[in-house]
Amino acid sequence: MTLALVTGAPGWLGTRLVTALVKGLPDVPSLASPEKRRVRCLVLPGADTAALEAISRDVEIARGDLRDTASLAAFTEGAKGATLFHCAGVIHPSRGTREFTEVNVEGTRALLDAARSAGIRRVVHVSSNSPIGTNASPSDVFDESAPFHPYVGYGKSKMLAERIVGEASAKGDVETVIIRPPWFYGPGQPPRQTTFFTMIKDGKAPIVGGGENRRSMAYVDNICQGLLLCETTDAARGQTYWIADERPYTMNEIVGTVERLLETEFDMKVAHGRMRLPGIASGVAYAIDSITQSMGLYLQKIHVLSEMNKTIACTIDKARRELGYEPRVALEEGMRRSIRWLLDNGGRI
């Protein structure tokens, strides 16, 4: 039985990936019936593993931390020839911006060292749009040739992590692939996504500027499809791919889609309002965000506001061409599944 290693579980994407590895992706016929395999997850001490253990008896729990080299050695022990999916990372730090460096940068370096020592065959690394930043114009789209232009601390840390992964690939002793998913959504969502739904229902969804700025998004199972294809495609070795839905969406379309689903399909009373802010609000937030992060502080709401009027759009042409990637779920169906999952699991909007 083959072995796959996953970091970032029981997080949102990590847990969806473990499910896909064990049970397949029903929306993708070629990936719907996977071969039986063991999946070993690196899980922080004290984290609840019930959801992972419920997936299958073939899911193994390895307690550890990217900042603890001994636990990484135990995590990768006996994994010669395996694939390692590196989904873990700090997006919104709770202890200040030093976590970006500790986890996203040095943690990635330590994990690759452990992978190399264990003889792991391929590492598929989950990066972000943030190392590339925001589009220069509303009509622009990023492809894989776009230069680094990191968006504050998180973007810089993911840029440095990508460089570490690239260096490991250049040495030739471990294969690597990088994917860059943008803003993602879908079942298993964290509380911050539920808050977004609640703001839409209550008529308080923030629209900064005209709301016609475009955002590429990625339904979680679309990302899992990309990850699985990166594992098995020989030509992916050493490559980087944008993995997202088929097209970008405007902020107005995103909010309007959730609003319509809540009202027409889930019978919720929707206020049909917007919290409209001038475009300069994001500029002011960006200035505050930059200053506070330079002091080692992180203010999540300020950071999120700083991005709200930006276009962050990419093309998936390379992934389609080289991986055979075809995103099967788009915004409306993905948000429908998100809302249904939330309500079915006792959540409230």
Protein backbone atom coordinates (compact mmCIF):
# COMPACT_ATOMS: atom_id res chain seq x y z
CA MET A 1 0.00 0.00 0.00
CA THR A 2 1.47 3.36 -1.04
CA LEU A 3 1.95 6.20 1.42
CA ALA A 4 1.07 9.88 1.17
CA LEU A 5 2.09 12.47 3.76
CA VAL A 6 0.02 15.59 4.42
CA THR A 7 0.77 18.70 6.47
CA GLY A 8 -1.96 21.16 7.33
CA ALA A 9 -4.55 18.69 8.61
CA PRO A 10 -6.95 18.94 10.38
CA GLY A 11 -7.07 22.33 8.68
CA TRP A 12 -9.58 23.17 5.97
CA LEU A 13 -7.65 22.23 2.83
CA GLY A 14 -5.61 19.49 4.50
CA THR A 15 -8.71 17.61 5.64
CA ARG A 16 -10.35 17.88 2.21
CA LEU A 17 -7.16 16.56 0.63
CA VAL A 18 -7.00 13.58 3.00
CA THR A 19 -10.60 12.77 2.08
CA ALA A 20 -9.75 13.00 -1.63
CA LEU A 21 -6.69 10.78 -1.23
CA VAL A 22 -8.71 8.08 0.51
CA LYS A 23 -12.16 8.38 -1.07
CA GLY A 24 -11.49 10.16 -4.37
CA LEU A 25 -13.13 13.16 -6.02
CA PRO A 26 -16.65 12.30 -7.22
CA ASP A 27 -16.76 15.33 -9.55
CA VAL A 28 -13.68 14.10 -11.46
CA PRO A 29 -14.27 10.65 -13.00
CA SER A 30 -10.57 9.91 -13.47
CA LEU A 31 -9.94 10.61 -9.76
CA ALA A 32 -13.17 9.21 -8.32
CA SER A 33 -11.87 5.73 -7.37
CA PRO A 34 -8.34 5.95 -5.96
CA GLU A 35 -6.19 2.96 -5.14
CA LYS A 36 -6.09 2.05 -1.46
CA ARG A 37 -3.31 3.92 0.31
CA ARG A 38 -2.11 5.03 3.72
CA VAL A 39 -2.18 8.71 4.55
CA ARG A 40 -0.04 10.09 7.37
CA CYS A 41 -0.88 13.56 8.71
CA LEU A 42 1.36 15.92 10.66
CA VAL A 43 -0.93 17.27 13.37
CA LEU A 44 -0.13 19.87 16.00
CA PRO A 45 -0.07 18.60 19.60
CA GLY A 46 -3.47 19.03 21.16
CA ALA A 47 -5.37 19.43 17.87
CA ASP A 48 -8.61 17.50 17.52
CA THR A 49 -8.15 14.57 15.13
CA ALA A 50 -11.68 13.12 15.23
CA ALA A 51 -12.56 14.35 11.74
CA LEU A 52 -9.40 12.85 10.26
CA GLU A 53 -9.78 9.53 12.05
CA ALA A 54 -13.39 9.29 10.86
CA ILE A 55 -12.27 9.35 7.22
CA SER A 56 -10.57 5.95 7.27
CA ARG A 57 -8.56 3.51 9.36
CA ASP A 58 -5.78 4.11 6.85
CA VAL A 59 -5.28 7.67 8.13
CA GLU A 60 -2.33 7.87 10.54
CA ILE A 61 -1.76 10.72 12.99
CA ALA A 62 1.80 11.94 13.61
CA ARG A 63 1.92 14.61 16.29
CA GLY A 64 4.42 17.30 15.52
CA ASP A 65 5.23 20.82 14.43
CA LEU A 66 7.08 22.31 11.47
CA ARG A 67 9.24 24.12 14.02
CA ASP A 68 10.30 20.83 15.67
CA THR A 69 12.86 18.95 13.57
CA ALA A 70 12.64 15.81 15.69
CA SER A 71 8.92 15.51 15.02
CA LEU A 72 9.53 16.04 11.30
CA ALA A 73 12.01 13.17 11.30
CA ALA A 74 9.38 10.94 12.92
CA PHE A 75 6.71 12.16 10.49
CA THR A 76 8.81 11.25 7.43
CA GLU A 77 10.30 8.02 8.81
CA GLY A 78 9.80 5.06 6.49
CA ALA A 79 8.42 7.31 3.73
CA LYS A 80 10.92 6.51 1.00
CA GLY A 81 9.28 6.95 -2.39
CA ALA A 82 6.19 8.63 -0.92
CA THR A 83 4.54 11.89 -1.92
CA LEU A 84 4.42 14.76 0.58
CA PHE A 85 1.67 17.36 0.23
CA HIS A 86 2.70 20.47 2.13
CA CYS A 87 -0.54 22.35 2.88
CA ALA A 88 0.39 23.80 6.28
CA GLY A 89 1.03 27.48 6.74
CA VAL A 90 0.18 30.55 8.79
CA ILE A 91 -2.11 33.01 7.00
CA HIS A 92 -3.45 35.08 9.91
CA PRO A 93 -0.94 34.83 12.78
CA SER A 94 -2.12 35.02 16.36
CA ARG A 95 1.29 35.77 17.88
CA GLY A 96 2.58 38.41 15.50
CA THR A 97 4.32 38.37 12.14
CA ARG A 98 7.28 36.32 13.39
CA GLU A 99 5.06 33.27 12.81
CA PHE A 100 5.28 33.90 9.06
CA THR A 101 9.02 33.28 9.21
CA GLU A 102 8.94 30.51 11.80
CA VAL A 103 6.31 28.40 10.03
CA ASN A 104 6.06 29.40 6.38
CA VAL A 105 9.77 29.89 5.75
CA GLU A 106 11.88 27.97 8.25
CA GLY A 107 9.23 25.30 8.71
CA THR A 108 9.22 24.65 4.96
CA ARG A 109 13.02 24.49 4.94
CA ALA A 110 13.06 21.97 7.81
CA LEU A 111 10.34 19.87 6.19
CA LEU A 112 12.24 19.66 2.91
CA ASP A 113 15.40 18.64 4.77
CA ALA A 114 13.44 15.86 6.46
CA ALA A 115 11.90 14.82 3.14
CA ARG A 116 15.29 14.65 1.51
CA SER A 117 16.74 12.55 4.34
CA ALA A 118 13.78 10.16 4.20
CA GLY A 119 13.99 9.64 0.44
CA ILE A 120 10.57 11.10 -0.31
CA ARG A 121 9.97 11.11 -4.06
CA ARG A 122 7.94 14.27 -4.62
CA VAL A 123 6.87 17.28 -2.55
CA VAL A 124 3.80 19.20 -3.73
CA HIS A 125 3.92 22.60 -2.05
CA VAL A 126 0.85 24.79 -1.57
CA SER A 127 1.79 28.43 -2.03
CA SER A 128 -0.57 31.37 -2.65
CA ASN A 129 -1.32 34.31 -4.88
CA SER A 130 0.30 36.57 -2.28
CA PRO A 131 3.93 36.15 -3.45
CA ILE A 132 2.85 37.67 -6.77
CA GLY A 133 0.76 40.40 -5.19
CA THR A 134 -2.07 42.26 -6.91
CA ASN A 135 -2.68 42.87 -10.59
CA ALA A 136 -1.34 46.06 -12.11
CA SER A 137 -4.63 46.85 -13.85
CA PRO A 138 -8.26 45.65 -13.68
CA SER A 139 -7.89 43.74 -16.97
CA ASP A 140 -4.59 42.06 -16.08
CA VAL A 141 -4.29 38.35 -15.29
CA PHE A 142 -1.30 36.58 -13.77
CA ASP A 143 0.31 33.60 -15.40
CA GLU A 144 3.29 31.60 -14.15
CA SER A 145 5.77 34.08 -15.68
CA ALA A 146 4.56 36.92 -13.42
CA PRO A 147 7.43 38.21 -11.23
CA PHE A 148 7.41 38.15 -7.46
CA HIS A 149 5.83 41.23 -5.92
CA PRO A 150 4.85 39.98 -2.46
CA TYR A 151 1.89 41.43 -0.61
CA VAL A 152 3.21 42.38 2.86
CA GLY A 153 4.40 39.79 5.39
CA TYR A 154 2.47 36.70 4.36
CA GLY A 155 3.33 37.25 0.69
CA LYS A 156 7.01 37.67 1.48
CA SER A 157 7.06 34.50 3.58
CA LYS A 158 5.41 32.46 0.83
CA MET A 159 7.82 33.91 -1.74
CA LEU A 160 10.77 32.82 0.39
CA ALA A 161 9.18 29.38 0.82
CA GLU A 162 8.79 29.05 -2.96
CA ARG A 163 12.48 29.88 -3.36
CA ILE A 164 13.41 27.20 -0.81
CA VAL A 165 11.29 24.68 -2.71
CA GLY A 166 12.93 25.74 -5.97
CA GLU A 167 16.40 25.29 -4.49
CA ALA A 168 15.50 21.78 -3.34
CA SER A 169 14.31 20.95 -6.85
CA ALA A 170 17.50 22.32 -8.39
CA LYS A 171 19.62 20.03 -6.19
CA GLY A 172 17.81 17.09 -7.77
CA ASP A 173 17.47 14.91 -4.67
CA VAL A 174 13.73 15.47 -4.26
CA GLU A 175 11.11 16.33 -6.88
CA THR A 176 9.00 19.40 -6.20
CA VAL A 177 5.87 21.03 -7.62
CA ILE A 178 4.36 24.36 -6.50
CA ILE A 179 0.71 25.32 -6.77
CA ARG A 180 -0.72 28.79 -6.20
CA PRO A 181 -4.38 28.70 -5.19
CA PRO A 182 -6.02 32.10 -4.59
CA TRP A 183 -8.89 32.80 -2.18
CA PHE A 184 -10.53 29.43 -1.65
CA TYR A 185 -13.95 28.37 -0.46
CA GLY A 186 -16.09 25.27 0.12
CA PRO A 187 -17.22 22.76 2.74
CA GLY A 188 -15.18 22.65 5.94
CA GLN A 189 -14.81 26.42 5.97
CA PRO A 190 -13.38 28.23 9.01
CA PRO A 191 -15.35 30.77 11.06
CA ARG A 192 -14.04 33.74 9.06
CA GLN A 193 -15.87 32.48 5.95
CA THR A 194 -19.09 32.02 7.94
CA THR A 195 -18.74 35.60 9.15
CA PHE A 196 -18.57 36.70 5.51
CA PHE A 197 -21.86 34.89 4.82
CA THR A 198 -23.48 36.50 7.85
CA MET A 199 -22.38 39.97 6.74
CA ILE A 200 -23.94 39.34 3.33
CA LYS A 201 -27.23 38.15 4.89
CA ASP A 202 -27.34 41.19 7.18
CA GLY A 203 -26.65 43.65 4.36
CA LYS A 204 -23.20 44.52 5.68
CA ALA A 205 -20.97 42.94 3.02
CA PRO A 206 -18.07 45.34 2.45
CA ILE A 207 -17.78 46.65 -1.11
CA VAL A 208 -14.77 48.94 -1.49
CA GLY A 209 -14.94 51.12 -4.56
CA GLY A 210 -17.33 49.98 -7.27
CA GLY A 211 -17.06 46.26 -6.55
CA GLU A 212 -16.06 45.42 -10.12
CA ASN A 213 -12.53 44.39 -9.14
CA ARG A 214 -12.01 40.73 -10.06
CA ARG A 215 -10.90 37.92 -7.76
CA SER A 216 -9.82 34.47 -8.79
CA MET A 217 -11.20 31.90 -6.36
CA ALA A 218 -10.69 28.17 -5.96
CA TYR A 219 -13.28 25.69 -4.73
CA VAL A 220 -11.48 23.34 -2.30
CA ASP A 221 -12.06 20.19 -4.35
CA ASN A 222 -10.74 21.96 -7.45
CA ILE A 223 -7.55 22.56 -5.48
CA CYS A 224 -7.48 18.89 -4.46
CA GLN A 225 -7.80 17.92 -8.12
CA GLY A 226 -4.77 20.07 -8.90
CA LEU A 227 -2.78 18.56 -6.03
CA LEU A 228 -3.53 14.98 -7.11
CA LEU A 229 -2.58 15.74 -10.70
CA CYS A 230 0.68 17.32 -9.54
CA GLU A 231 1.51 14.06 -7.77
CA THR A 232 1.08 11.84 -10.83
CA THR A 233 2.11 14.04 -13.78
CA ASP A 234 5.78 13.45 -14.64
CA ALA A 235 6.04 16.75 -16.53
CA ALA A 236 5.03 18.69 -13.40
CA ARG A 237 8.42 18.12 -11.81
CA GLY A 238 10.01 21.47 -11.01
CA GLN A 239 6.99 23.42 -12.24
CA THR A 240 4.65 26.01 -10.73
CA TYR A 241 0.91 26.19 -11.47
CA TRP A 242 -1.95 28.53 -10.74
CA ILE A 243 -4.86 26.36 -9.56
CA ALA A 244 -8.22 28.15 -9.47
CA ASP A 245 -11.77 28.13 -10.79
CA GLU A 246 -12.22 28.56 -14.53
CA ARG A 247 -12.52 32.34 -14.41
CA PRO A 248 -12.26 35.22 -11.94
CA TYR A 249 -15.37 36.76 -10.37
CA THR A 250 -16.11 40.38 -9.49
CA MET A 251 -16.70 41.21 -5.84
CA ASN A 252 -20.24 42.20 -6.77
CA GLU A 253 -20.79 38.77 -8.34
CA ILE A 254 -19.39 36.95 -5.30
CA VAL A 255 -21.61 38.82 -2.84
CA GLY A 256 -24.64 38.67 -5.12
CA THR A 257 -24.31 34.92 -5.62
CA VAL A 258 -24.21 34.18 -1.87
CA GLU A 259 -27.08 36.60 -1.29
CA ARG A 260 -29.26 34.93 -3.94
CA LEU A 261 -28.55 31.41 -2.66
CA LEU A 262 -29.31 32.30 0.95
CA GLU A 263 -32.64 33.80 -0.03
CA THR A 264 -33.93 31.57 -2.83
CA GLU A 265 -32.53 28.15 -1.90
CA PHE A 266 -32.11 28.31 1.89
CA ASP A 267 -35.16 30.47 2.66
CA MET A 268 -33.26 33.06 4.67
CA LYS A 269 -34.29 36.66 5.05
CA VAL A 270 -31.64 38.77 3.34
CA ALA A 271 -31.27 42.51 3.92
CA HIS A 272 -30.08 43.32 0.37
CA GLY A 273 -27.65 45.96 1.55
CA ARG A 274 -23.97 46.70 1.18
CA MET A 275 -21.43 48.41 3.42
CA ARG A 276 -20.00 50.66 0.72
CA LEU A 277 -16.63 52.27 1.29
CA PRO A 278 -14.59 54.51 -1.01
CA GLY A 279 -11.58 52.95 -2.72
CA ILE A 280 -9.26 55.03 -0.55
CA ALA A 281 -10.36 52.95 2.46
CA SER A 282 -8.30 50.03 1.19
CA GLY A 283 -5.35 52.34 0.55
CA VAL A 284 -5.46 53.64 4.11
CA ALA A 285 -5.81 50.08 5.44
CA TYR A 286 -2.80 48.99 3.37
CA ALA A 287 -0.68 51.80 4.84
CA ILE A 288 -1.71 50.84 8.39
CA ASP A 289 -1.15 47.15 7.63
CA SER A 290 2.34 47.81 6.28
CA ILE A 291 3.33 49.91 9.29
CA THR A 292 1.95 47.54 11.92
CA GLN A 293 3.46 44.47 10.24
CA SER A 294 6.85 46.22 10.13
CA MET A 295 6.51 46.45 13.92
CA GLY A 296 5.77 42.73 14.17
CA LEU A 297 2.03 43.22 14.73
CA TYR A 298 -0.84 41.77 12.71
CA LEU A 299 -4.37 43.18 12.52
CA GLN A 300 -6.48 40.71 10.55
CA LYS A 301 -9.44 42.99 9.76
CA ILE A 302 -7.14 45.78 8.57
CA HIS A 303 -5.22 43.34 6.37
CA VAL A 304 -8.39 41.95 4.80
CA LEU A 305 -9.75 45.46 4.18
CA SER A 306 -6.51 46.43 2.44
CA GLU A 307 -7.20 43.82 -0.27
CA MET A 308 -10.89 44.48 -0.81
CA ASN A 309 -10.56 46.84 -3.78
CA LYS A 310 -7.73 44.94 -5.48
CA THR A 311 -7.86 42.76 -8.58
CA ILE A 312 -6.17 39.41 -7.96
CA ALA A 313 -6.83 37.36 -11.08
CA CYS A 314 -4.96 34.49 -12.72
CA THR A 315 -5.16 32.17 -15.71
CA ILE A 316 -5.16 28.37 -15.34
CA ASP A 317 -4.08 27.72 -18.95
CA LYS A 318 -0.76 26.10 -18.00
CA ALA A 319 -2.40 23.72 -15.52
CA ARG A 320 -4.97 22.75 -18.14
CA ARG A 321 -2.32 22.19 -20.77
CA GLU A 322 0.28 20.30 -18.72
CA LEU A 323 -1.76 18.64 -15.94
CA GLY A 324 -5.09 18.08 -17.65
CA TYR A 325 -6.63 20.19 -14.89
CA GLU A 326 -10.32 21.00 -15.38
CA PRO A 327 -12.12 22.70 -12.48
CA ARG A 328 -15.51 21.01 -12.14
CA VAL A 329 -17.16 23.32 -9.61
CA ALA A 330 -17.73 27.06 -10.11
CA LEU A 331 -18.89 29.83 -7.81
CA GLU A 332 -22.64 29.19 -7.55
CA GLU A 333 -22.44 25.44 -6.99
CA GLY A 334 -19.43 25.82 -4.70
CA MET A 335 -21.17 28.38 -2.51
CA ARG A 336 -24.33 26.23 -2.50
CA ARG A 337 -22.32 23.30 -1.17
CA SER A 338 -20.58 25.54 1.36
CA ILE A 339 -23.85 26.82 2.80
CA ARG A 340 -25.41 23.35 2.85
CA TRP A 341 -22.36 21.88 4.64
CA LEU A 342 -22.44 24.64 7.22
CA LEU A 343 -26.13 24.18 8.02
CA ASP A 344 -25.89 20.39 8.02
CA ASN A 345 -23.11 20.62 10.61
CA GLY A 346 -24.94 22.83 13.05
CA GLY A 347 -23.61 26.16 11.83
CA ARG A 348 -25.61 29.36 11.75
CA ILE A 349 -25.49 32.26 9.32
